[in-house]
Amino acid sequence: MAVKHIPTGVVHIGNKGGRTGCSYDTRVNASHWINTNERVNCKKNGCR
């Protein structure tokens, strides 16, 4: 599953309500995150 940060448009590995592959906490500003089926485009370790 992937999760998208709406303000930046970056798609990370992970789920809303947890952590991304590169350690962002999606519970902080939860309204900025949505689950998606888009391709992951984060270049940080853990997501790529």
Protein backbone atom coordinates (compact mmCIF):
# COMPACT_ATOMS: atom_id res chain seq x y z
CA MET A 1 0.00 0.00 0.00
CA ALA A 2 1.09 3.57 -0.58
CA VAL A 3 0.25 6.82 1.15
CA LYS A 4 0.33 10.26 -0.49
CA HIS A 5 1.25 13.55 1.20
CA ILE A 6 -1.29 15.90 -0.40
CA PRO A 7 0.56 19.26 -0.02
CA THR A 8 3.75 17.96 -1.69
CA GLY A 9 2.33 15.21 -3.91
CA VAL A 10 5.01 12.74 -2.72
CA VAL A 11 3.89 9.09 -2.54
CA HIS A 12 5.50 6.94 0.16
CA ILE A 13 5.39 3.25 1.14
CA GLY A 14 3.08 2.83 4.14
CA ASN A 15 -0.46 3.38 5.37
CA LYS A 16 -2.39 6.31 6.76
CA GLY A 17 -2.38 6.13 10.56
CA GLY A 18 1.14 4.73 10.87
CA ARG A 19 4.62 5.39 9.55
CA THR A 20 5.97 5.57 6.02
CA GLY A 21 8.96 3.55 4.85
CA CYS A 22 11.19 6.59 5.41
CA SER A 23 9.80 7.19 8.93
CA TYR A 24 7.28 10.01 8.51
CA ASP A 25 4.44 9.71 11.05
CA THR A 26 1.17 9.96 9.11
CA ARG A 27 -0.80 10.57 12.33
CA VAL A 28 0.72 14.07 12.56
CA ASN A 29 -1.46 16.35 10.38
CA ALA A 30 -3.51 13.30 9.38
CA SER A 31 -5.64 15.39 7.00
CA HIS A 32 -2.54 15.85 4.81
CA TRP A 33 -2.29 12.11 4.06
CA ILE A 34 -4.41 9.75 1.92
CA ASN A 35 -4.06 6.07 1.01
CA THR A 36 -3.48 5.64 -2.71
CA ASN A 37 -2.64 3.14 -5.42
CA GLU A 38 -0.27 5.56 -7.15
CA ARG A 39 3.34 4.64 -7.81
CA VAL A 40 5.80 5.43 -4.99
CA ASN A 41 7.95 8.45 -5.93
CA CYS A 42 9.77 9.13 -2.64
CA LYS A 43 13.54 8.93 -3.15
CA LYS A 44 14.49 8.43 0.54
CA ASN A 45 15.84 5.18 2.00
CA GLY A 46 13.01 2.88 3.08
CA CYS A 47 10.64 4.06 0.36
CA ARG A 48 12.69 3.46 -2.78
